[in-house]
């Protein structure tokens, strides 16, 4: 459910892109979350405090993947094809970090970021956080937050 929701947003953003750079979606698992201790009005916790290798923990650090898979989006068909490496010099990458062990918890916060920028604004990073909630054994999207970066 989470992937279908986020990939629908990825496709909508990619559909408006008219640039020449390719679009890559990278999806990975992160088991190194620091449990967030504050929430927004809807009760979704902001995931922060990831550790960059050798740099300790910081609010602005990206989630570190245990593993990840990458797909290249075909601009004409909208289909994704597995890709390794970097097919162009500066692709737009939608990086999606899904927390491990979400089956144990009633909520999950998924971190996504477009780098070096989003299809809507390729010059600036765009972070989008999805808050999911589980009730009656079904997950639903509860909230999203976004922030434009440098």
N, C-alpha and C. Protein backbone atom coordinates (compact mmCIF):
# COMPACT_ATOMS: atom_id res chain seq x y z
N UNK A 1 0.82 -1.18 0.00
CA UNK A 1 0.00 0.00 0.00
C UNK A 1 0.87 1.26 0.00
N UNK A 2 1.90 1.25 0.84
CA UNK A 2 2.79 2.42 0.92
C UNK A 2 3.49 2.68 -0.42
N UNK A 3 4.02 1.62 -1.02
CA UNK A 3 4.71 1.80 -2.30
C UNK A 3 3.77 2.29 -3.38
N UNK A 4 2.58 1.73 -3.46
CA UNK A 4 1.62 2.19 -4.47
C UNK A 4 1.30 3.67 -4.28
N UNK A 5 1.13 4.10 -3.04
CA UNK A 5 0.84 5.50 -2.76
C UNK A 5 1.99 6.40 -3.19
N UNK A 6 3.20 6.07 -2.75
CA UNK A 6 4.35 6.93 -3.06
C UNK A 6 4.71 6.91 -4.54
N UNK A 7 4.61 5.74 -5.19
CA UNK A 7 4.92 5.68 -6.62
C UNK A 7 3.89 6.43 -7.46
N UNK A 8 2.65 6.51 -6.98
CA UNK A 8 1.64 7.33 -7.68
C UNK A 8 2.06 8.80 -7.64
N UNK A 9 2.58 9.26 -6.50
CA UNK A 9 3.08 10.64 -6.40
C UNK A 9 4.31 10.82 -7.29
N UNK A 10 5.20 9.83 -7.31
CA UNK A 10 6.39 9.89 -8.17
C UNK A 10 5.98 10.04 -9.62
N UNK A 11 5.03 9.21 -10.06
CA UNK A 11 4.57 9.27 -11.45
C UNK A 11 3.90 10.60 -11.78
N UNK A 12 3.13 11.13 -10.85
CA UNK A 12 2.48 12.43 -11.08
C UNK A 12 3.53 13.53 -11.23
N UNK A 13 4.54 13.52 -10.37
CA UNK A 13 5.61 14.52 -10.46
C UNK A 13 6.40 14.35 -11.75
N UNK A 14 6.74 13.10 -12.10
CA UNK A 14 7.52 12.82 -13.30
C UNK A 14 6.74 13.17 -14.56
N UNK A 15 5.42 13.08 -14.53
CA UNK A 15 4.58 13.37 -15.69
C UNK A 15 4.65 14.81 -16.14
N UNK A 16 5.01 15.73 -15.24
CA UNK A 16 5.08 17.15 -15.61
C UNK A 16 6.50 17.57 -15.99
N UNK A 17 7.46 16.65 -15.90
CA UNK A 17 8.85 16.99 -16.16
C UNK A 17 9.13 17.04 -17.66
N UNK A 18 9.75 18.13 -18.10
CA UNK A 18 10.07 18.27 -19.52
C UNK A 18 11.57 18.39 -19.75
N UNK A 19 12.36 18.16 -18.71
CA UNK A 19 13.82 18.25 -18.82
C UNK A 19 14.41 17.05 -19.53
N UNK A 20 15.72 17.11 -19.71
CA UNK A 20 16.41 16.05 -20.45
C UNK A 20 17.00 14.97 -19.54
N UNK A 21 17.12 15.24 -18.23
CA UNK A 21 17.71 14.26 -17.33
C UNK A 21 16.74 13.10 -17.08
N UNK A 22 17.30 11.92 -16.86
CA UNK A 22 16.45 10.76 -16.60
C UNK A 22 15.97 10.79 -15.15
N UNK A 23 14.94 10.02 -14.87
CA UNK A 23 14.36 9.94 -13.53
C UNK A 23 14.55 8.52 -13.01
N UNK A 24 15.15 8.44 -11.82
CA UNK A 24 15.40 7.15 -11.18
C UNK A 24 14.62 7.11 -9.87
N UNK A 25 14.01 5.98 -9.59
CA UNK A 25 13.36 5.74 -8.30
C UNK A 25 14.21 4.72 -7.56
N UNK A 26 14.65 5.08 -6.35
CA UNK A 26 15.42 4.17 -5.51
C UNK A 26 14.63 3.89 -4.25
N UNK A 27 14.36 2.62 -4.00
CA UNK A 27 13.58 2.21 -2.84
C UNK A 27 14.46 1.32 -1.98
N UNK A 28 14.52 1.64 -0.69
CA UNK A 28 15.37 0.86 0.19
C UNK A 28 14.78 0.69 1.58
N UNK A 29 15.36 -0.24 2.31
CA UNK A 29 14.95 -0.53 3.68
C UNK A 29 15.96 0.10 4.64
N UNK A 30 15.44 0.74 5.68
CA UNK A 30 16.28 1.36 6.70
C UNK A 30 15.91 0.79 8.06
N UNK A 31 16.89 0.20 8.75
CA UNK A 31 16.62 -0.33 10.08
C UNK A 31 17.30 0.48 11.17
N UNK A 32 17.81 1.65 10.82
CA UNK A 32 18.57 2.46 11.78
C UNK A 32 17.86 3.76 12.13
N UNK A 33 16.56 3.69 12.34
CA UNK A 33 15.81 4.88 12.72
C UNK A 33 16.12 5.23 14.17
N UNK A 34 16.14 6.50 14.47
CA UNK A 34 16.08 6.93 15.87
C UNK A 34 14.62 7.27 16.09
N UNK A 35 14.04 6.71 17.11
CA UNK A 35 12.61 6.93 17.34
C UNK A 35 12.34 8.42 17.56
N UNK A 36 11.52 9.02 16.70
CA UNK A 36 11.21 10.45 16.86
C UNK A 36 10.39 10.68 18.13
N UNK A 37 10.63 11.80 18.76
CA UNK A 37 9.93 12.10 20.01
C UNK A 37 8.97 13.27 19.90
N UNK A 38 8.78 13.81 18.72
CA UNK A 38 7.76 14.85 18.56
C UNK A 38 6.94 14.54 17.33
N UNK A 39 5.73 15.08 17.30
CA UNK A 39 4.80 14.76 16.23
C UNK A 39 4.14 16.04 15.72
N UNK A 40 3.60 15.96 14.50
CA UNK A 40 2.82 17.09 14.00
C UNK A 40 1.39 16.97 14.52
N UNK A 41 0.52 17.87 14.10
CA UNK A 41 -0.85 17.91 14.62
C UNK A 41 -1.63 16.62 14.35
N UNK A 42 -1.31 15.92 13.26
CA UNK A 42 -2.02 14.68 12.95
C UNK A 42 -1.44 13.47 13.68
N UNK A 43 -0.34 13.67 14.42
CA UNK A 43 0.24 12.58 15.17
C UNK A 43 1.34 11.81 14.45
N UNK A 44 1.76 12.28 13.27
CA UNK A 44 2.81 11.61 12.52
C UNK A 44 4.16 12.09 13.04
N UNK A 45 5.05 11.15 13.32
CA UNK A 45 6.38 11.48 13.83
C UNK A 45 7.34 11.75 12.68
N UNK A 46 8.12 12.82 12.80
CA UNK A 46 9.11 13.17 11.79
C UNK A 46 10.34 12.29 12.01
N UNK A 47 10.80 11.55 10.99
CA UNK A 47 11.97 10.70 11.18
C UNK A 47 13.25 11.53 11.07
N UNK A 48 14.02 11.59 12.12
CA UNK A 48 15.25 12.35 12.07
C UNK A 48 16.34 11.60 12.82
N UNK A 49 17.56 12.11 12.70
CA UNK A 49 18.65 11.57 13.46
C UNK A 49 19.33 10.38 12.83
N UNK A 50 19.31 10.27 11.52
CA UNK A 50 19.99 9.18 10.86
C UNK A 50 21.49 9.40 10.98
N UNK A 51 22.23 8.34 10.97
CA UNK A 51 23.68 8.48 11.07
C UNK A 51 24.34 8.36 9.72
N UNK A 52 25.06 9.39 9.31
CA UNK A 52 25.93 9.27 8.14
C UNK A 52 27.23 8.65 8.63
N UNK A 53 27.83 7.81 7.85
CA UNK A 53 29.03 7.09 8.27
C UNK A 53 30.08 8.07 8.81
N UNK A 54 30.44 7.87 10.06
CA UNK A 54 31.48 8.69 10.68
C UNK A 54 31.05 10.08 11.09
N UNK A 55 29.81 10.46 10.85
CA UNK A 55 29.37 11.82 11.15
C UNK A 55 28.40 11.88 12.31
N UNK A 56 28.10 10.76 12.95
CA UNK A 56 27.16 10.78 14.05
C UNK A 56 25.73 10.97 13.55
N UNK A 57 24.87 11.48 14.41
CA UNK A 57 23.47 11.64 14.07
C UNK A 57 23.14 13.11 13.87
N UNK A 58 22.33 13.40 12.87
CA UNK A 58 21.97 14.78 12.58
C UNK A 58 20.57 14.84 12.01
N UNK A 59 19.87 15.93 12.29
CA UNK A 59 18.52 16.14 11.79
C UNK A 59 18.46 16.06 10.27
N UNK A 60 19.49 16.55 9.60
CA UNK A 60 19.46 16.62 8.14
C UNK A 60 20.04 15.39 7.44
N UNK A 61 20.53 14.41 8.19
CA UNK A 61 21.10 13.21 7.57
C UNK A 61 20.02 12.38 6.89
N UNK A 62 20.40 11.71 5.81
CA UNK A 62 19.47 10.82 5.11
C UNK A 62 19.47 9.45 5.76
N UNK A 63 18.35 8.73 5.66
CA UNK A 63 18.32 7.35 6.16
C UNK A 63 19.36 6.51 5.44
N UNK A 64 20.03 5.66 6.16
CA UNK A 64 21.02 4.77 5.58
C UNK A 64 20.33 3.46 5.20
N UNK A 65 20.46 3.06 3.95
CA UNK A 65 19.81 1.84 3.48
C UNK A 65 20.56 0.59 3.94
N UNK A 66 19.80 -0.43 4.34
CA UNK A 66 20.35 -1.77 4.52
C UNK A 66 20.55 -2.38 3.13
N UNK A 67 19.60 -2.14 2.27
CA UNK A 67 19.65 -2.55 0.87
C UNK A 67 18.70 -1.64 0.10
N UNK A 68 18.90 -1.55 -1.21
CA UNK A 68 17.99 -0.74 -2.04
C UNK A 68 17.98 -1.28 -3.46
N UNK A 69 16.93 -0.94 -4.18
CA UNK A 69 16.78 -1.28 -5.60
C UNK A 69 16.50 0.01 -6.35
N UNK A 70 16.96 0.07 -7.60
CA UNK A 70 16.81 1.29 -8.41
C UNK A 70 16.14 0.96 -9.74
N UNK A 71 15.23 1.86 -10.17
CA UNK A 71 14.55 1.72 -11.45
C UNK A 71 14.66 3.02 -12.22
N UNK A 72 14.85 2.88 -13.52
CA UNK A 72 14.86 4.00 -14.44
C UNK A 72 13.48 4.13 -15.05
N UNK A 73 12.93 5.34 -15.05
CA UNK A 73 11.59 5.56 -15.61
C UNK A 73 11.72 5.93 -17.08
N UNK A 74 11.02 5.19 -17.92
CA UNK A 74 10.97 5.50 -19.35
C UNK A 74 10.04 6.70 -19.53
N UNK A 75 10.53 7.82 -20.07
CA UNK A 75 9.70 9.02 -20.17
C UNK A 75 8.49 8.87 -21.10
N UNK A 76 8.58 8.00 -22.09
CA UNK A 76 7.46 7.85 -23.03
C UNK A 76 6.37 6.93 -22.50
N UNK A 77 6.77 5.79 -21.96
CA UNK A 77 5.77 4.83 -21.50
C UNK A 77 5.42 4.97 -20.02
N UNK A 78 6.32 5.59 -19.23
CA UNK A 78 6.10 5.70 -17.80
C UNK A 78 6.45 4.43 -17.04
N UNK A 79 6.92 3.40 -17.76
CA UNK A 79 7.29 2.13 -17.13
C UNK A 79 8.67 2.25 -16.49
N UNK A 80 8.88 1.42 -15.47
CA UNK A 80 10.18 1.39 -14.79
C UNK A 80 10.95 0.15 -15.19
N UNK A 81 12.27 0.33 -15.36
CA UNK A 81 13.15 -0.77 -15.69
C UNK A 81 14.28 -0.79 -14.67
N UNK A 82 14.67 -1.97 -14.17
CA UNK A 82 15.79 -2.03 -13.23
C UNK A 82 17.04 -1.41 -13.84
N UNK A 83 17.80 -0.70 -13.02
CA UNK A 83 19.02 -0.05 -13.50
C UNK A 83 20.10 -0.19 -12.43
N UNK A 84 21.33 -0.31 -12.88
CA UNK A 84 22.46 -0.27 -11.96
C UNK A 84 23.37 0.86 -12.42
N UNK A 85 24.05 1.45 -11.49
CA UNK A 85 24.91 2.56 -11.85
C UNK A 85 24.10 3.82 -12.09
N UNK A 86 24.71 4.73 -12.82
CA UNK A 86 24.07 6.02 -13.10
C UNK A 86 24.04 6.22 -14.60
N UNK A 87 22.85 6.16 -15.23
CA UNK A 87 22.78 6.20 -16.68
C UNK A 87 23.11 7.56 -17.30
N UNK A 88 22.95 8.64 -16.54
CA UNK A 88 23.32 9.97 -17.04
C UNK A 88 24.13 10.68 -15.97
N UNK A 89 24.70 11.80 -16.33
CA UNK A 89 25.56 12.52 -15.41
C UNK A 89 24.83 13.04 -14.18
N UNK A 90 23.63 13.51 -14.34
CA UNK A 90 22.90 14.12 -13.23
C UNK A 90 21.42 13.74 -13.27
N UNK A 91 21.10 12.48 -12.97
CA UNK A 91 19.69 12.07 -13.00
C UNK A 91 18.92 12.66 -11.82
N UNK A 92 17.62 12.78 -11.98
CA UNK A 92 16.76 13.14 -10.85
C UNK A 92 16.43 11.83 -10.15
N UNK A 93 16.70 11.75 -8.86
CA UNK A 93 16.51 10.51 -8.10
C UNK A 93 15.46 10.74 -7.03
N UNK A 94 14.43 9.90 -7.04
CA UNK A 94 13.44 9.90 -5.97
C UNK A 94 13.82 8.76 -5.04
N UNK A 95 14.38 9.11 -3.90
CA UNK A 95 14.91 8.15 -2.93
C UNK A 95 13.85 7.90 -1.85
N UNK A 96 13.43 6.65 -1.69
CA UNK A 96 12.36 6.29 -0.75
C UNK A 96 12.92 5.32 0.29
N UNK A 97 12.89 5.74 1.56
CA UNK A 97 13.40 4.90 2.65
C UNK A 97 12.23 4.39 3.48
N UNK A 98 12.04 3.09 3.46
CA UNK A 98 10.94 2.46 4.19
C UNK A 98 11.52 1.84 5.46
N UNK A 99 10.93 2.14 6.63
CA UNK A 99 11.49 1.60 7.87
C UNK A 99 11.28 0.09 8.00
N UNK A 100 12.26 -0.56 8.59
CA UNK A 100 12.15 -1.99 8.88
C UNK A 100 11.23 -2.19 10.08
N UNK A 101 10.73 -3.38 10.23
CA UNK A 101 9.91 -3.79 11.37
C UNK A 101 8.61 -3.00 11.52
N UNK A 102 8.02 -2.54 10.45
CA UNK A 102 6.77 -1.79 10.56
C UNK A 102 5.60 -2.68 10.94
N UNK A 103 5.70 -3.97 10.72
CA UNK A 103 4.59 -4.88 11.07
C UNK A 103 4.33 -4.89 12.57
N UNK A 104 5.32 -4.54 13.37
CA UNK A 104 5.16 -4.53 14.82
C UNK A 104 4.45 -3.29 15.35
N UNK A 105 4.35 -2.26 14.55
CA UNK A 105 3.88 -0.97 15.04
C UNK A 105 2.61 -0.51 14.32
N UNK A 106 1.79 0.29 14.98
CA UNK A 106 0.55 0.77 14.34
C UNK A 106 0.77 1.99 13.42
N UNK A 107 2.00 2.54 13.42
CA UNK A 107 2.29 3.69 12.57
C UNK A 107 3.63 3.49 11.89
N UNK A 108 3.79 4.09 10.73
CA UNK A 108 5.07 4.06 10.02
C UNK A 108 5.28 5.40 9.35
N UNK A 109 6.48 5.89 9.41
CA UNK A 109 6.84 7.15 8.75
C UNK A 109 7.87 6.83 7.68
N UNK A 110 7.57 7.21 6.43
CA UNK A 110 8.44 6.91 5.31
C UNK A 110 9.07 8.21 4.82
N UNK A 111 10.39 8.19 4.68
CA UNK A 111 11.15 9.36 4.26
C UNK A 111 11.43 9.27 2.76
N UNK A 112 11.11 10.32 2.01
CA UNK A 112 11.45 10.37 0.59
C UNK A 112 12.12 11.70 0.30
N UNK A 113 13.00 11.70 -0.69
CA UNK A 113 13.64 12.95 -1.10
C UNK A 113 13.96 12.87 -2.59
N UNK A 114 13.75 13.98 -3.28
CA UNK A 114 14.15 14.12 -4.68
C UNK A 114 15.51 14.82 -4.67
N UNK A 115 16.53 14.21 -5.29
CA UNK A 115 17.83 14.85 -5.42
C UNK A 115 18.33 14.73 -6.85
N UNK A 116 19.05 15.63 -7.41
CA UNK A 116 19.41 16.92 -6.85
C UNK A 116 18.23 17.88 -6.78
N UNK A 117 17.11 17.47 -7.36
CA UNK A 117 15.89 18.26 -7.31
C UNK A 117 14.72 17.45 -7.82
N UNK A 118 13.55 18.02 -7.71
CA UNK A 118 12.34 17.32 -8.14
C UNK A 118 12.02 17.67 -9.59
N UNK A 119 11.16 16.90 -10.24
CA UNK A 119 10.76 17.25 -11.61
C UNK A 119 10.10 18.63 -11.69
N UNK A 120 9.42 19.04 -10.62
CA UNK A 120 8.78 20.35 -10.63
C UNK A 120 9.79 21.48 -10.48
N UNK A 121 10.89 21.23 -9.78
CA UNK A 121 11.92 22.24 -9.56
C UNK A 121 13.28 21.54 -9.44
N UNK A 122 13.92 21.21 -10.59
CA UNK A 122 15.14 20.40 -10.59
C UNK A 122 16.34 21.03 -9.88
N UNK A 123 16.27 22.30 -9.53
CA UNK A 123 17.41 22.94 -8.87
C UNK A 123 17.41 22.77 -7.36
N UNK A 124 16.30 22.31 -6.77
CA UNK A 124 16.20 22.23 -5.32
C UNK A 124 15.73 20.84 -4.87
N UNK A 125 16.39 20.34 -3.82
CA UNK A 125 15.95 19.08 -3.21
C UNK A 125 14.55 19.27 -2.66
N UNK A 126 13.79 18.19 -2.67
CA UNK A 126 12.43 18.25 -2.13
C UNK A 126 12.20 17.00 -1.30
N UNK A 127 12.00 17.20 0.00
CA UNK A 127 11.77 16.09 0.91
C UNK A 127 10.28 15.98 1.18
N UNK A 128 9.78 14.76 1.15
CA UNK A 128 8.37 14.50 1.45
C UNK A 128 8.31 13.33 2.41
N UNK A 129 7.61 13.53 3.52
CA UNK A 129 7.47 12.51 4.55
C UNK A 129 6.02 12.03 4.52
N UNK A 130 5.85 10.71 4.50
CA UNK A 130 4.52 10.10 4.49
C UNK A 130 4.28 9.45 5.84
N UNK A 131 3.15 9.74 6.46
CA UNK A 131 2.77 9.10 7.71
C UNK A 131 1.64 8.11 7.45
N UNK A 132 1.89 6.84 7.71
CA UNK A 132 0.90 5.80 7.52
C UNK A 132 0.43 5.28 8.88
N UNK A 133 -0.82 4.82 8.91
CA UNK A 133 -1.41 4.31 10.14
C UNK A 133 -2.10 2.99 9.84
N UNK A 134 -1.98 2.06 10.77
CA UNK A 134 -2.60 0.74 10.61
C UNK A 134 -3.80 0.65 11.55
N UNK A 135 -4.95 0.35 10.99
CA UNK A 135 -6.14 0.10 11.80
C UNK A 135 -6.95 -1.00 11.14
N UNK A 136 -7.50 -1.89 11.93
CA UNK A 136 -8.24 -3.05 11.41
C UNK A 136 -7.41 -3.83 10.40
N UNK A 137 -6.11 -3.98 10.69
CA UNK A 137 -5.18 -4.73 9.84
C UNK A 137 -5.03 -4.16 8.43
N UNK A 138 -5.35 -2.89 8.24
CA UNK A 138 -5.16 -2.25 6.95
C UNK A 138 -4.40 -0.94 7.15
N UNK A 139 -3.48 -0.66 6.24
CA UNK A 139 -2.71 0.58 6.30
C UNK A 139 -3.39 1.66 5.49
N UNK A 140 -3.28 2.90 5.94
CA UNK A 140 -3.80 4.04 5.18
C UNK A 140 -2.85 5.21 5.34
N UNK A 141 -2.83 6.08 4.35
CA UNK A 141 -2.03 7.30 4.41
C UNK A 141 -2.75 8.28 5.33
N UNK A 142 -2.07 8.72 6.36
CA UNK A 142 -2.69 9.64 7.32
C UNK A 142 -2.28 11.08 7.08
N UNK A 143 -1.03 11.30 6.70
CA UNK A 143 -0.53 12.67 6.60
C UNK A 143 0.71 12.71 5.73
N UNK A 144 1.01 13.88 5.18
CA UNK A 144 2.28 14.11 4.48
C UNK A 144 2.84 15.45 4.92
N UNK A 145 4.15 15.55 4.92
CA UNK A 145 4.85 16.82 5.16
C UNK A 145 5.82 16.99 4.02
N UNK A 146 6.09 18.21 3.65
CA UNK A 146 7.13 18.41 2.64
C UNK A 146 7.97 19.62 3.01
N UNK A 147 9.19 19.60 2.48
CA UNK A 147 10.13 20.69 2.72
C UNK A 147 11.07 20.80 1.54
N UNK A 148 11.23 21.99 1.03
CA UNK A 148 12.16 22.25 -0.06
C UNK A 148 13.52 22.58 0.55
N UNK A 149 14.57 22.02 -0.03
CA UNK A 149 15.92 22.25 0.49
C UNK A 149 16.81 22.92 -0.54
N UNK A 150 18.05 23.04 -0.18
CA UNK A 150 19.04 23.68 -1.09
C UNK A 150 19.68 22.66 -1.99
